[in-house]
C-alpha atoms as a PDB file:
ATOM      1  CA  UNK A   1     192.511 163.029   7.376  1.00  0.00           C
ATOM      2  CA  UNK A   2     194.312 161.524   4.401  1.00  0.00           C
ATOM      3  CA  UNK A   3     193.804 157.921   3.258  1.00  0.00           C
ATOM      4  CA  UNK A   4     196.455 155.631   1.816  1.00  0.00           C
ATOM      5  CA  UNK A   5     196.245 152.070   0.557  1.00  0.00           C
ATOM      6  CA  UNK A   6     197.821 149.263   2.548  1.00  0.00           C
ATOM      7  CA  UNK A   7     200.488 148.604  -0.102  1.00  0.00           C
ATOM      8  CA  UNK A   8     201.464 152.270  -0.182  1.00  0.00           C
ATOM      9  CA  UNK A   9     201.503 152.362   3.637  1.00  0.00           C
ATOM     10  CA  UNK A  10     203.845 149.372   3.701  1.00  0.00           C
ATOM     11  CA  UNK A  11     206.094 150.872   1.063  1.00  0.00           C
ATOM     12  CA  UNK A  12     206.252 154.364   2.574  1.00  0.00           C
ATOM     13  CA  UNK A  13     205.888 153.612   6.287  1.00  0.00           C
ATOM     14  CA  UNK A  14     208.883 155.689   7.472  1.00  0.00           C
ATOM     15  CA  UNK A  15     207.560 158.789   5.671  1.00  0.00           C
ATOM     16  CA  UNK A  16     204.048 158.200   7.033  1.00  0.00           C
ATOM     17  CA  UNK A  17     205.403 157.834  10.568  1.00  0.00           C
ATOM     18  CA  UNK A  18     207.287 161.105  10.205  1.00  0.00           C
ATOM     19  CA  UNK A  19     204.030 162.837   9.241  1.00  0.00           C
ATOM     20  CA  UNK A  20     202.205 161.231  12.160  1.00  0.00           C
ATOM     21  CA  UNK A  21     204.962 162.400  14.518  1.00  0.00           C
ATOM     22  CA  UNK A  22     204.134 165.953  13.382  1.00  0.00           C
ATOM     23  CA  UNK A  23     200.490 165.461  14.397  1.00  0.00           C
ATOM     24  CA  UNK A  24     198.742 164.134  11.276  1.00  0.00           C
ATOM     25  CA  UNK A  25     196.287 161.244  11.286  1.00  0.00           C
ATOM     26  CA  UNK A  26     196.338 158.870   8.312  1.00  0.00           C
ATOM     27  CA  UNK A  27     193.721 156.239   7.477  1.00  0.00           C
ATOM     28  CA  UNK A  28     195.005 153.009   5.944  1.00  0.00           C
ATOM     29  CA  UNK A  29     192.609 151.300   3.545  1.00  0.00           C
ATOM     30  CA  UNK A  30     192.426 147.926   1.853  1.00  0.00           C
ATOM     31  CA  UNK A  31     190.478 147.939  -1.405  1.00  0.00           C
ATOM     32  CA  UNK A  32     189.028 151.304  -0.397  1.00  0.00           C
ATOM     33  CA  UNK A  33     187.768 150.081   2.994  1.00  0.00           C
ATOM     34  CA  UNK A  34     189.305 151.734   6.071  1.00  0.00           C
ATOM     35  CA  UNK A  35     191.139 149.172   8.217  1.00  0.00           C
ATOM     36  CA  UNK A  36     193.405 151.230  10.506  1.00  0.00           C
ATOM     37  CA  UNK A  37     194.324 154.725  11.582  1.00  0.00           C
ATOM     38  CA  UNK A  38     197.870 155.941  12.146  1.00  0.00           C
ATOM     39  CA  UNK A  39     197.670 158.625  14.821  1.00  0.00           C
ATOM     40  CA  UNK A  40     200.087 160.258  17.253  1.00  0.00           C
ATOM     41  CA  UNK A  41     200.460 158.360  20.525  1.00  0.00           C
ATOM     42  CA  UNK A  42     198.647 160.084  23.355  1.00  0.00           C
ATOM     43  CA  UNK A  43     198.844 157.533  26.149  1.00  0.00           C
ATOM     44  CA  UNK A  44     199.310 158.430  29.744  1.00  0.00           C
ATOM     45  CA  UNK A  45     202.694 157.939  31.367  1.00  0.00           C
ATOM     46  CA  UNK A  46     203.176 154.470  32.777  1.00  0.00           C
ATOM     47  CA  UNK A  47     203.442 153.942  36.504  1.00  0.00           C
ATOM     48  CA  UNK A  48     206.803 152.967  37.899  1.00  0.00           C
ATOM     49  CA  UNK A  49     207.562 149.484  39.161  1.00  0.00           C
ATOM     50  CA  UNK A  50     207.385 150.552  42.814  1.00  0.00           C
ATOM     51  CA  UNK A  51     203.963 152.192  42.307  1.00  0.00           C
ATOM     52  CA  UNK A  52     202.637 149.090  40.557  1.00  0.00           C
ATOM     53  CA  UNK A  53     203.827 146.778  43.355  1.00  0.00           C
ATOM     54  CA  UNK A  54     202.273 149.048  45.985  1.00  0.00           C
ATOM     55  CA  UNK A  55     198.969 149.105  44.073  1.00  0.00           C
ATOM     56  CA  UNK A  56     198.888 145.295  43.846  1.00  0.00           C
ATOM     57  CA  UNK A  57     199.688 144.885  47.539  1.00  0.00           C
ATOM     58  CA  UNK A  58     197.025 147.441  48.483  1.00  0.00           C
ATOM     59  CA  UNK A  59     194.410 145.629  46.388  1.00  0.00           C
ATOM     60  CA  UNK A  60     195.208 142.332  48.162  1.00  0.00           C
ATOM     61  CA  UNK A  61     194.577 143.688  51.670  1.00  0.00           C
ATOM     62  CA  UNK A  62     191.812 141.815  53.392  1.00  0.00           C
ATOM     63  CA  UNK A  63     192.081 138.704  51.218  1.00  0.00           C
ATOM     64  CA  UNK A  64     192.327 135.457  53.166  1.00  0.00           C
ATOM     65  CA  UNK A  65     192.512 131.774  52.381  1.00  0.00           C
ATOM     66  CA  UNK A  66     189.560 131.074  54.646  1.00  0.00           C
ATOM     67  CA  UNK A  67     191.722 129.327  57.229  1.00  0.00           C
ATOM     68  CA  UNK A  68     193.199 126.824  54.745  1.00  0.00           C
ATOM     69  CA  UNK A  69     196.911 126.527  54.181  1.00  0.00           C
ATOM     70  CA  UNK A  70     198.490 126.701  50.767  1.00  0.00           C
ATOM     71  CA  UNK A  71     199.472 123.008  51.112  1.00  0.00           C
ATOM     72  CA  UNK A  72     195.820 122.057  51.783  1.00  0.00           C
ATOM     73  CA  UNK A  73     194.714 123.976  48.720  1.00  0.00           C
ATOM     74  CA  UNK A  74     197.323 122.231  46.561  1.00  0.00           C
ATOM     75  CA  UNK A  75     196.200 118.824  47.804  1.00  0.00           C
ATOM     76  CA  UNK A  76     192.552 119.733  47.199  1.00  0.00           C
ATOM     77  CA  UNK A  77     193.392 120.697  43.637  1.00  0.00           C
ATOM     78  CA  UNK A  78     194.983 117.292  43.016  1.00  0.00           C
ATOM     79  CA  UNK A  79     191.816 115.375  43.887  1.00  0.00           C
END
């Protein structure tokens, strides 16, 4: 893994990103101390909006307000 200084990284960022896109990892240093690593993105695909909504609704099943209404809870919060 190659190291580059922060000034050089700022100056040559497009070229560094092109190298990272090809699979390289580059360590960015400040005064010789490693502070960051540029690496190819390997995140998982994000869930769609519909899947996210369904997951939230499924996680809320079984939750209750304990018999209180929303209005009662608002009034309780104002006291």
